[in-house]
Amino acid sequence: MNPLQSSDLREILHARDHYDIVLFVVPHVTEAGRAIARADKGVALVGVNDRVAIIGREEFTLDEPDGLARPSYRRRPWGRFAVIRSLLRTPDPRSQLQLAEECGLTQPAVSQTLKSLSGVERSASGWRATDPEELWDHFIEKYPGPEGISAYWFGLVSPREQTARVRSVVPDALVSGDVAADEIAPWRKPRRATVYVPQGADMSSSGFSTADPARATLELTVPADQTIWQTARAWATPGTLYDRVDPLIVAWDVSRSSGPDVAEELARLQRAVLRKWSSR
């Protein structure tokens, strides 16, 4: 009985094709296993030594004094970061209802977030960002990432062609990382493909082979943060197919890349996105 690792992803996805719920009993709950169980309610995970169970995407401790299991997992504030991304889409004021629609949230949730943010103001026309650089930096520093389940693949074609192949298999896939950054603020040659998908995909028939994260040329993630599809749609040019995450998710993915030119790429992305404020 071994701890659940991200390398077990293919086994889990295969099993999910045949069963409604897959139960894993392991000695310890690893972060990889926790991410998998949080992202997919059809995966249940029990850590015997940890006395932890993750069922229906909720985490429970099994050692309560009264013998009852209670939720112990604090939900990620995905909505808060979606509101920040929406505020940085345009300097034009918008109502709470408009922001809620862009984020896929309720109006009360948006209202609560706005009260807790600095660098924003309310006028008769609605809410807008008054310090976009502060909001940008806050997002890059505090966003925990979309989390979820990641699979790693190796391909011989360029990162841009790799993202195209993923979209041919999963039409709803959203491109991020180097390839998306090159579309927003061209500067450095993409080194790796980063793609978000609503469900797992087997890329072996499209010229890919499974790989360790360090060697992979394609990172394919089923995110726990489902707001990225809503904000991607809001950022897309009206009437066009949206196939890229919003620029802040792109920047966050670039920020975890390696290399001496990451800081410059982030600065270029920030200038490209926030130039709307300087032109007003």
C-alpha atoms as a PDB file:
ATOM      1  CA  MET A   1       0.000   0.000   0.000  1.00  0.00           C
ATOM      2  CA  ASN A   2       1.885   3.083  -1.257  1.00  0.00           C
ATOM      3  CA  PRO A   3       1.080   6.813  -1.107  1.00  0.00           C
ATOM      4  CA  LEU A   4      -0.862   8.086  -4.096  1.00  0.00           C
ATOM      5  CA  GLN A   5       1.382   9.982  -6.526  1.00  0.00           C
ATOM      6  CA  SER A   6       0.630  12.042  -9.631  1.00  0.00           C
ATOM      7  CA  SER A   7       2.044   9.156 -11.678  1.00  0.00           C
ATOM      8  CA  ASP A   8      -1.139   7.253 -10.756  1.00  0.00           C
ATOM      9  CA  LEU A   9      -3.186   9.724 -12.821  1.00  0.00           C
ATOM     10  CA  ARG A  10      -3.508   7.495 -15.888  1.00  0.00           C
ATOM     11  CA  GLU A  11      -4.719   4.576 -13.743  1.00  0.00           C
ATOM     12  CA  ILE A  12      -7.311   6.812 -12.068  1.00  0.00           C
ATOM     13  CA  LEU A  13      -8.586   8.280 -15.310  1.00  0.00           C
ATOM     14  CA  HIS A  14      -8.824   4.821 -16.843  1.00  0.00           C
ATOM     15  CA  ALA A  15     -10.746   3.504 -13.845  1.00  0.00           C
ATOM     16  CA  ARG A  16     -13.097   6.487 -13.951  1.00  0.00           C
ATOM     17  CA  ASP A  17     -14.221   5.328 -17.391  1.00  0.00           C
ATOM     18  CA  HIS A  18     -15.642   2.149 -15.832  1.00  0.00           C
ATOM     19  CA  TYR A  19     -16.828   3.110 -12.343  1.00  0.00           C
ATOM     20  CA  ASP A  20     -18.822   5.960 -10.787  1.00  0.00           C
ATOM     21  CA  ILE A  21     -16.494   6.218  -7.781  1.00  0.00           C
ATOM     22  CA  VAL A  22     -12.926   4.986  -7.345  1.00  0.00           C
ATOM     23  CA  LEU A  23     -11.728   4.503  -3.753  1.00  0.00           C
ATOM     24  CA  PHE A  24      -8.021   4.583  -2.879  1.00  0.00           C
ATOM     25  CA  VAL A  25      -6.848   3.515   0.586  1.00  0.00           C
ATOM     26  CA  VAL A  26      -3.282   4.697   1.265  1.00  0.00           C
ATOM     27  CA  PRO A  27      -1.042   5.043   4.342  1.00  0.00           C
ATOM     28  CA  HIS A  28      -0.591   8.799   3.874  1.00  0.00           C
ATOM     29  CA  VAL A  29      -2.398  11.415   1.811  1.00  0.00           C
ATOM     30  CA  THR A  30       0.163  13.158  -0.390  1.00  0.00           C
ATOM     31  CA  GLU A  31      -0.361  16.580  -1.938  1.00  0.00           C
ATOM     32  CA  ALA A  32      -0.706  14.922  -5.345  1.00  0.00           C
ATOM     33  CA  GLY A  33      -3.384  12.594  -4.026  1.00  0.00           C
ATOM     34  CA  ARG A  34      -5.158  15.442  -2.233  1.00  0.00           C
ATOM     35  CA  ALA A  35      -5.257  17.501  -5.453  1.00  0.00           C
ATOM     36  CA  ILE A  36      -6.706  14.580  -7.398  1.00  0.00           C
ATOM     37  CA  ALA A  37      -9.458  13.865  -4.860  1.00  0.00           C
ATOM     38  CA  ARG A  38     -10.357  17.555  -4.485  1.00  0.00           C
ATOM     39  CA  ALA A  39     -10.700  17.996  -8.229  1.00  0.00           C
ATOM     40  CA  ASP A  40     -12.821  14.908  -8.987  1.00  0.00           C
ATOM     41  CA  LYS A  41     -15.804  13.958  -6.821  1.00  0.00           C
ATOM     42  CA  GLY A  42     -15.657  10.470  -8.350  1.00  0.00           C
ATOM     43  CA  VAL A  43     -12.319   9.821  -6.630  1.00  0.00           C
ATOM     44  CA  ALA A  44     -12.418   9.003  -2.902  1.00  0.00           C
ATOM     45  CA  LEU A  45      -9.205   8.867  -0.881  1.00  0.00           C
ATOM     46  CA  VAL A  46      -8.603   7.512   2.634  1.00  0.00           C
ATOM     47  CA  GLY A  47      -5.287   8.007   4.464  1.00  0.00           C
ATOM     48  CA  VAL A  48      -5.091   5.313   7.166  1.00  0.00           C
ATOM     49  CA  ASN A  49      -2.218   6.742   9.199  1.00  0.00           C
ATOM     50  CA  ASP A  50      -3.329  10.336   8.652  1.00  0.00           C
ATOM     51  CA  ARG A  51      -6.912   9.467   9.622  1.00  0.00           C
ATOM     52  CA  VAL A  52      -8.039  11.651   6.735  1.00  0.00           C
ATOM     53  CA  ALA A  53     -10.705  10.955   4.125  1.00  0.00           C
ATOM     54  CA  ILE A  54     -11.518  12.982   1.001  1.00  0.00           C
ATOM     55  CA  ILE A  55     -14.973  12.117  -0.288  1.00  0.00           C
ATOM     56  CA  GLY A  56     -17.062  14.122  -2.736  1.00  0.00           C
ATOM     57  CA  ARG A  57     -14.209  16.700  -2.959  1.00  0.00           C
ATOM     58  CA  GLU A  58     -14.486  17.427   0.792  1.00  0.00           C
ATOM     59  CA  GLU A  59     -11.818  16.527   3.327  1.00  0.00           C
ATOM     60  CA  PHE A  60     -12.711  14.974   6.678  1.00  0.00           C
ATOM     61  CA  THR A  61     -10.747  14.104   9.784  1.00  0.00           C
ATOM     62  CA  LEU A  62     -11.541  10.744  11.326  1.00  0.00           C
ATOM     63  CA  ASP A  63     -10.482  11.324  14.925  1.00  0.00           C
ATOM     64  CA  GLU A  64     -13.158  13.616  16.324  1.00  0.00           C
ATOM     65  CA  PRO A  65     -13.878  13.043  20.040  1.00  0.00           C
ATOM     66  CA  ASP A  66     -17.491  12.116  19.343  1.00  0.00           C
ATOM     67  CA  GLY A  67     -16.481   9.710  16.579  1.00  0.00           C
ATOM     68  CA  LEU A  68     -17.890  11.896  13.788  1.00  0.00           C
ATOM     69  CA  ALA A  69     -15.990  12.987  10.709  1.00  0.00           C
ATOM     70  CA  ARG A  70     -16.182  16.683   9.953  1.00  0.00           C
ATOM     71  CA  PRO A  71     -14.870  18.789   7.033  1.00  0.00           C
ATOM     72  CA  SER A  72     -11.352  20.126   7.639  1.00  0.00           C
ATOM     73  CA  TYR A  73     -10.471  21.516   4.207  1.00  0.00           C
ATOM     74  CA  ARG A  74     -10.632  25.264   3.803  1.00  0.00           C
ATOM     75  CA  ARG A  75     -11.895  26.108   0.353  1.00  0.00           C
ATOM     76  CA  ARG A  76      -9.650  28.118  -1.915  1.00  0.00           C
ATOM     77  CA  PRO A  77     -10.878  31.684  -2.582  1.00  0.00           C
ATOM     78  CA  TRP A  78     -11.159  31.142  -6.339  1.00  0.00           C
ATOM     79  CA  GLY A  79     -13.906  33.780  -6.585  1.00  0.00           C
ATOM     80  CA  ARG A  80     -11.755  36.504  -5.049  1.00  0.00           C
ATOM     81  CA  PHE A  81      -9.031  36.022  -7.640  1.00  0.00           C
ATOM     82  CA  ALA A  82     -11.583  35.836 -10.461  1.00  0.00           C
ATOM     83  CA  VAL A  83     -12.920  39.262  -9.422  1.00  0.00           C
ATOM     84  CA  ILE A  84      -9.381  40.679  -9.540  1.00  0.00           C
ATOM     85  CA  ARG A  85      -8.923  39.312 -13.047  1.00  0.00           C
ATOM     86  CA  SER A  86     -12.243  40.798 -14.112  1.00  0.00           C
ATOM     87  CA  LEU A  87     -11.376  44.225 -12.658  1.00  0.00           C
ATOM     88  CA  LEU A  88      -8.139  44.238 -14.656  1.00  0.00           C
ATOM     89  CA  ARG A  89      -9.870  43.470 -17.930  1.00  0.00           C
ATOM     90  CA  THR A  90     -10.854  47.098 -18.514  1.00  0.00           C
ATOM     91  CA  PRO A  91     -10.664  50.456 -16.703  1.00  0.00           C
ATOM     92  CA  ASP A  92     -14.351  51.035 -17.463  1.00  0.00           C
ATOM     93  CA  PRO A  93     -16.604  50.953 -14.366  1.00  0.00           C
ATOM     94  CA  ARG A  94     -18.957  47.985 -14.097  1.00  0.00           C
ATOM     95  CA  SER A  95     -21.750  46.991 -11.769  1.00  0.00           C
ATOM     96  CA  GLN A  96     -21.480  44.116  -9.345  1.00  0.00           C
ATOM     97  CA  LEU A  97     -23.880  42.140 -11.526  1.00  0.00           C
ATOM     98  CA  GLN A  98     -21.646  42.651 -14.565  1.00  0.00           C
ATOM     99  CA  LEU A  99     -18.580  41.544 -12.621  1.00  0.00           C
ATOM    100  CA  ALA A 100     -20.483  38.532 -11.302  1.00  0.00           C
ATOM    101  CA  GLU A 101     -21.408  37.488 -14.828  1.00  0.00           C
ATOM    102  CA  GLU A 102     -17.799  37.768 -15.989  1.00  0.00           C
ATOM    103  CA  CYS A 103     -16.597  35.622 -13.080  1.00  0.00           C
ATOM    104  CA  GLY A 104     -19.416  33.110 -12.896  1.00  0.00           C
ATOM    105  CA  LEU A 105     -20.174  34.175  -9.311  1.00  0.00           C
ATOM    106  CA  THR A 106     -23.164  35.481  -7.399  1.00  0.00           C
ATOM    107  CA  GLN A 107     -23.603  39.207  -6.820  1.00  0.00           C
ATOM    108  CA  PRO A 108     -23.247  38.828  -2.999  1.00  0.00           C
ATOM    109  CA  ALA A 109     -19.935  36.990  -3.478  1.00  0.00           C
ATOM    110  CA  VAL A 110     -18.632  39.818  -5.679  1.00  0.00           C
ATOM    111  CA  SER A 111     -19.832  42.408  -3.172  1.00  0.00           C
ATOM    112  CA  GLN A 112     -17.977  40.702  -0.345  1.00  0.00           C
ATOM    113  CA  THR A 113     -14.772  40.524  -2.388  1.00  0.00           C
ATOM    114  CA  LEU A 114     -14.901  44.178  -3.435  1.00  0.00           C
ATOM    115  CA  LYS A 115     -15.165  45.271   0.200  1.00  0.00           C
ATOM    116  CA  SER A 116     -11.923  43.432   0.987  1.00  0.00           C
ATOM    117  CA  LEU A 117      -9.839  44.720  -1.932  1.00  0.00           C
ATOM    118  CA  SER A 118      -7.655  47.811  -1.972  1.00  0.00           C
ATOM    119  CA  GLY A 119      -6.903  49.672  -5.174  1.00  0.00           C
ATOM    120  CA  VAL A 120     -10.550  49.753  -6.278  1.00  0.00           C
ATOM    121  CA  GLU A 121     -13.248  52.408  -6.063  1.00  0.00           C
ATOM    122  CA  ARG A 122     -16.988  52.714  -6.549  1.00  0.00           C
ATOM    123  CA  SER A 123     -18.574  55.507  -8.546  1.00  0.00           C
ATOM    124  CA  ALA A 124     -22.049  56.195  -9.840  1.00  0.00           C
ATOM    125  CA  SER A 125     -21.140  54.130 -12.929  1.00  0.00           C
ATOM    126  CA  GLY A 126     -19.856  51.111 -11.036  1.00  0.00           C
ATOM    127  CA  TRP A 127     -16.628  49.597  -9.736  1.00  0.00           C
ATOM    128  CA  ARG A 128     -13.185  50.026 -11.275  1.00  0.00           C
ATOM    129  CA  ALA A 129      -9.527  49.438 -10.429  1.00  0.00           C
ATOM    130  CA  THR A 130      -7.682  52.603  -9.381  1.00  0.00           C
ATOM    131  CA  ASP A 131      -4.337  50.884  -8.779  1.00  0.00           C
ATOM    132  CA  PRO A 132      -4.095  48.122 -11.384  1.00  0.00           C
ATOM    133  CA  GLU A 133      -0.411  47.477 -10.650  1.00  0.00           C
ATOM    134  CA  GLU A 134      -1.240  46.724  -7.004  1.00  0.00           C
ATOM    135  CA  LEU A 135      -3.993  44.305  -8.015  1.00  0.00           C
ATOM    136  CA  TRP A 136      -1.697  42.643 -10.568  1.00  0.00           C
ATOM    137  CA  ASP A 137       1.087  42.146  -8.003  1.00  0.00           C
ATOM    138  CA  HIS A 138      -1.380  40.880  -5.408  1.00  0.00           C
ATOM    139  CA  PHE A 139      -2.686  38.275  -7.827  1.00  0.00           C
ATOM    140  CA  ILE A 140       0.737  37.013  -8.926  1.00  0.00           C
ATOM    141  CA  GLU A 141       1.967  36.786  -5.313  1.00  0.00           C
ATOM    142  CA  LYS A 142      -1.129  35.334  -3.623  1.00  0.00           C
ATOM    143  CA  TYR A 143      -2.927  33.214  -6.219  1.00  0.00           C
ATOM    144  CA  PRO A 144      -2.489  29.551  -5.178  1.00  0.00           C
ATOM    145  CA  GLY A 145      -2.736  28.350  -8.779  1.00  0.00           C
ATOM    146  CA  PRO A 146      -5.631  26.500 -10.409  1.00  0.00           C
ATOM    147  CA  GLU A 147      -4.521  23.250  -8.686  1.00  0.00           C
ATOM    148  CA  GLY A 148      -6.371  20.117  -9.844  1.00  0.00           C
ATOM    149  CA  ILE A 149      -4.887  17.143 -11.702  1.00  0.00           C
ATOM    150  CA  SER A 150      -1.889  17.494 -14.014  1.00  0.00           C
ATOM    151  CA  ALA A 151      -0.552  15.034 -16.566  1.00  0.00           C
ATOM    152  CA  TYR A 152       2.801  15.439 -18.279  1.00  0.00           C
ATOM    153  CA  TRP A 153       3.620  14.526 -21.872  1.00  0.00           C
ATOM    154  CA  PHE A 154       6.568  14.714 -24.236  1.00  0.00           C
ATOM    155  CA  GLY A 155       6.260  15.682 -27.889  1.00  0.00           C
ATOM    156  CA  LEU A 156       8.720  16.501 -30.670  1.00  0.00           C
ATOM    157  CA  VAL A 157       6.761  19.306 -32.372  1.00  0.00           C
ATOM    158  CA  SER A 158       6.841  22.938 -31.273  1.00  0.00           C
ATOM    159  CA  PRO A 159       4.922  24.029 -28.142  1.00  0.00           C
ATOM    160  CA  ARG A 160       2.450  25.933 -30.332  1.00  0.00           C
ATOM    161  CA  GLU A 161       1.746  22.837 -32.423  1.00  0.00           C
ATOM    162  CA  GLN A 162       1.365  20.818 -29.231  1.00  0.00           C
ATOM    163  CA  THR A 163      -1.370  23.164 -27.986  1.00  0.00           C
ATOM    164  CA  ALA A 164      -3.095  22.869 -31.374  1.00  0.00           C
ATOM    165  CA  ARG A 165      -3.055  19.081 -31.099  1.00  0.00           C
ATOM    166  CA  VAL A 166      -4.588  19.236 -27.626  1.00  0.00           C
ATOM    167  CA  ARG A 167      -7.386  21.466 -28.910  1.00  0.00           C
ATOM    168  CA  SER A 168      -8.047  19.010 -31.733  1.00  0.00           C
ATOM    169  CA  VAL A 169      -8.679  16.357 -29.073  1.00  0.00           C
ATOM    170  CA  VAL A 170     -10.355  18.642 -26.480  1.00  0.00           C
ATOM    171  CA  PRO A 171     -12.046  21.604 -28.238  1.00  0.00           C
ATOM    172  CA  ASP A 172     -12.726  23.378 -24.911  1.00  0.00           C
ATOM    173  CA  ALA A 173      -9.038  23.386 -23.952  1.00  0.00           C
ATOM    174  CA  LEU A 174      -7.530  26.727 -22.894  1.00  0.00           C
ATOM    175  CA  VAL A 175      -3.911  27.603 -23.721  1.00  0.00           C
ATOM    176  CA  SER A 176      -1.709  29.265 -21.104  1.00  0.00           C
ATOM    177  CA  GLY A 177       1.974  29.707 -20.242  1.00  0.00           C
ATOM    178  CA  ASP A 178       4.653  30.408 -22.835  1.00  0.00           C
ATOM    179  CA  VAL A 179       2.490  29.950 -25.927  1.00  0.00           C
ATOM    180  CA  ALA A 180      -0.253  32.293 -24.671  1.00  0.00           C
ATOM    181  CA  ALA A 181       2.321  34.834 -23.468  1.00  0.00           C
ATOM    182  CA  ASP A 182       3.859  34.884 -26.942  1.00  0.00           C
ATOM    183  CA  GLU A 183       0.445  35.788 -28.370  1.00  0.00           C
ATOM    184  CA  ILE A 184      -0.124  38.631 -25.881  1.00  0.00           C
ATOM    185  CA  ALA A 185       3.385  40.135 -25.706  1.00  0.00           C
ATOM    186  CA  PRO A 186       5.762  38.422 -28.187  1.00  0.00           C
ATOM    187  CA  TRP A 187       9.312  38.366 -26.929  1.00  0.00           C
ATOM    188  CA  ARG A 188      10.791  34.980 -26.129  1.00  0.00           C
ATOM    189  CA  LYS A 189      10.404  31.665 -27.919  1.00  0.00           C
ATOM    190  CA  PRO A 190       7.913  29.344 -26.155  1.00  0.00           C
ATOM    191  CA  ARG A 191       9.669  26.486 -24.415  1.00  0.00           C
ATOM    192  CA  ARG A 192       6.765  24.486 -23.021  1.00  0.00           C
ATOM    193  CA  ALA A 193       3.064  24.006 -23.680  1.00  0.00           C
ATOM    194  CA  THR A 194       0.636  24.596 -20.810  1.00  0.00           C
ATOM    195  CA  VAL A 195      -3.013  23.736 -21.391  1.00  0.00           C
ATOM    196  CA  TYR A 196      -6.121  23.532 -19.175  1.00  0.00           C
ATOM    197  CA  VAL A 197      -8.823  21.022 -20.051  1.00  0.00           C
ATOM    198  CA  PRO A 198     -12.256  20.299 -18.528  1.00  0.00           C
ATOM    199  CA  GLN A 199     -11.525  16.580 -18.388  1.00  0.00           C
ATOM    200  CA  GLY A 200      -8.532  14.277 -18.800  1.00  0.00           C
ATOM    201  CA  ALA A 201      -7.296  13.461 -22.293  1.00  0.00           C
ATOM    202  CA  ASP A 202      -5.131  10.646 -23.628  1.00  0.00           C
ATOM    203  CA  MET A 203      -2.617  12.302 -25.958  1.00  0.00           C
ATOM    204  CA  SER A 204      -0.715   9.123 -26.861  1.00  0.00           C
ATOM    205  CA  SER A 205      -2.527   8.843 -30.197  1.00  0.00           C
ATOM    206  CA  SER A 206      -1.529  12.429 -31.102  1.00  0.00           C
ATOM    207  CA  GLY A 207       2.229  11.907 -31.082  1.00  0.00           C
ATOM    208  CA  PHE A 208       2.901  12.246 -27.345  1.00  0.00           C
ATOM    209  CA  SER A 209       4.390   9.940 -24.742  1.00  0.00           C
ATOM    210  CA  THR A 210       4.065  10.199 -20.968  1.00  0.00           C
ATOM    211  CA  ALA A 211       6.948  11.959 -19.235  1.00  0.00           C
ATOM    212  CA  ASP A 212       8.247  13.128 -15.888  1.00  0.00           C
ATOM    213  CA  PRO A 213       7.444  16.793 -15.097  1.00  0.00           C
ATOM    214  CA  ALA A 214      11.092  17.836 -15.549  1.00  0.00           C
ATOM    215  CA  ARG A 215      11.292  16.334 -19.041  1.00  0.00           C
ATOM    216  CA  ALA A 216       7.759  17.099 -20.234  1.00  0.00           C
ATOM    217  CA  THR A 217       7.061  19.481 -23.094  1.00  0.00           C
ATOM    218  CA  LEU A 218       3.309  19.563 -22.387  1.00  0.00           C
ATOM    219  CA  GLU A 219       1.542  20.084 -19.064  1.00  0.00           C
ATOM    220  CA  LEU A 220      -2.132  19.162 -19.245  1.00  0.00           C
ATOM    221  CA  THR A 221      -4.222  20.181 -16.218  1.00  0.00           C
ATOM    222  CA  VAL A 222      -7.816  19.602 -15.169  1.00  0.00           C
ATOM    223  CA  PRO A 223      -8.072  22.626 -12.823  1.00  0.00           C
ATOM    224  CA  ALA A 224      -9.876  22.777  -9.510  1.00  0.00           C
ATOM    225  CA  ASP A 225     -10.400  26.494 -10.169  1.00  0.00           C
ATOM    226  CA  GLN A 226     -13.303  26.403 -12.592  1.00  0.00           C
ATOM    227  CA  THR A 227     -13.543  30.215 -12.863  1.00  0.00           C
ATOM    228  CA  ILE A 228     -10.809  30.243 -15.510  1.00  0.00           C
ATOM    229  CA  TRP A 229     -13.283  29.305 -18.247  1.00  0.00           C
ATOM    230  CA  GLN A 230     -15.624  32.147 -17.331  1.00  0.00           C
ATOM    231  CA  THR A 231     -12.903  34.811 -17.196  1.00  0.00           C
ATOM    232  CA  ALA A 232     -11.357  33.482 -20.418  1.00  0.00           C
ATOM    233  CA  ARG A 233     -14.708  34.011 -22.133  1.00  0.00           C
ATOM    234  CA  ALA A 234     -14.961  37.551 -20.721  1.00  0.00           C
ATOM    235  CA  TRP A 235     -11.466  38.508 -21.917  1.00  0.00           C
ATOM    236  CA  ALA A 236     -11.962  37.127 -25.433  1.00  0.00           C
ATOM    237  CA  THR A 237     -12.776  39.462 -28.308  1.00  0.00           C
ATOM    238  CA  PRO A 238     -16.573  39.473 -28.749  1.00  0.00           C
ATOM    239  CA  GLY A 239     -17.720  37.113 -31.473  1.00  0.00           C
ATOM    240  CA  THR A 240     -14.491  35.114 -31.545  1.00  0.00           C
ATOM    241  CA  LEU A 241     -13.648  31.647 -30.269  1.00  0.00           C
ATOM    242  CA  TYR A 242     -11.952  31.854 -26.902  1.00  0.00           C
ATOM    243  CA  ASP A 243      -9.086  29.377 -26.692  1.00  0.00           C
ATOM    244  CA  ARG A 244      -6.781  31.079 -24.175  1.00  0.00           C
ATOM    245  CA  VAL A 245      -6.969  31.717 -20.445  1.00  0.00           C
ATOM    246  CA  ASP A 246      -7.057  35.334 -19.311  1.00  0.00           C
ATOM    247  CA  PRO A 247      -3.706  37.167 -19.180  1.00  0.00           C
ATOM    248  CA  LEU A 248      -3.322  36.959 -15.406  1.00  0.00           C
ATOM    249  CA  ILE A 249      -3.521  33.177 -15.436  1.00  0.00           C
ATOM    250  CA  VAL A 250      -0.988  33.297 -18.280  1.00  0.00           C
ATOM    251  CA  ALA A 251       1.294  35.492 -16.168  1.00  0.00           C
ATOM    252  CA  TRP A 252       0.968  33.209 -13.149  1.00  0.00           C
ATOM    253  CA  ASP A 253       1.986  30.214 -15.255  1.00  0.00           C
ATOM    254  CA  VAL A 254       4.936  32.144 -16.697  1.00  0.00           C
ATOM    255  CA  SER A 255       5.983  33.142 -13.161  1.00  0.00           C
ATOM    256  CA  ARG A 256       6.628  29.503 -12.229  1.00  0.00           C
ATOM    257  CA  SER A 257       8.850  28.949 -15.264  1.00  0.00           C
ATOM    258  CA  SER A 258      12.618  28.759 -15.008  1.00  0.00           C
ATOM    259  CA  GLY A 259      15.187  30.961 -16.686  1.00  0.00           C
ATOM    260  CA  PRO A 260      16.721  34.417 -16.272  1.00  0.00           C
ATOM    261  CA  ASP A 261      14.185  36.045 -18.603  1.00  0.00           C
ATOM    262  CA  VAL A 262      11.025  35.241 -16.622  1.00  0.00           C
ATOM    263  CA  ALA A 263      10.959  38.616 -14.846  1.00  0.00           C
ATOM    264  CA  GLU A 264      11.226  40.485 -18.152  1.00  0.00           C
ATOM    265  CA  GLU A 265       8.449  38.399 -19.678  1.00  0.00           C
ATOM    266  CA  LEU A 266       6.198  39.152 -16.706  1.00  0.00           C
ATOM    267  CA  ALA A 267       6.949  42.866 -17.008  1.00  0.00           C
ATOM    268  CA  ARG A 268       6.060  42.804 -20.701  1.00  0.00           C
ATOM    269  CA  LEU A 269       2.806  40.994 -19.987  1.00  0.00           C
ATOM    270  CA  GLN A 270       1.898  43.512 -17.308  1.00  0.00           C
ATOM    271  CA  ARG A 271       2.583  46.465 -19.612  1.00  0.00           C
ATOM    272  CA  ALA A 272       0.565  44.903 -22.415  1.00  0.00           C
ATOM    273  CA  VAL A 273      -2.448  44.313 -20.167  1.00  0.00           C
ATOM    274  CA  LEU A 274      -2.370  47.523 -18.143  1.00  0.00           C
ATOM    275  CA  ARG A 275      -1.613  49.964 -20.957  1.00  0.00           C
ATOM    276  CA  LYS A 276      -5.377  50.630 -21.076  1.00  0.00           C
ATOM    277  CA  TRP A 277      -5.039  52.625 -17.846  1.00  0.00           C
ATOM    278  CA  SER A 278      -2.066  54.717 -19.022  1.00  0.00           C
ATOM    279  CA  SER A 279      -3.881  55.703 -22.219  1.00  0.00           C
ATOM    280  CA  ARG A 280      -6.799  57.237 -20.347  1.00  0.00           C
END
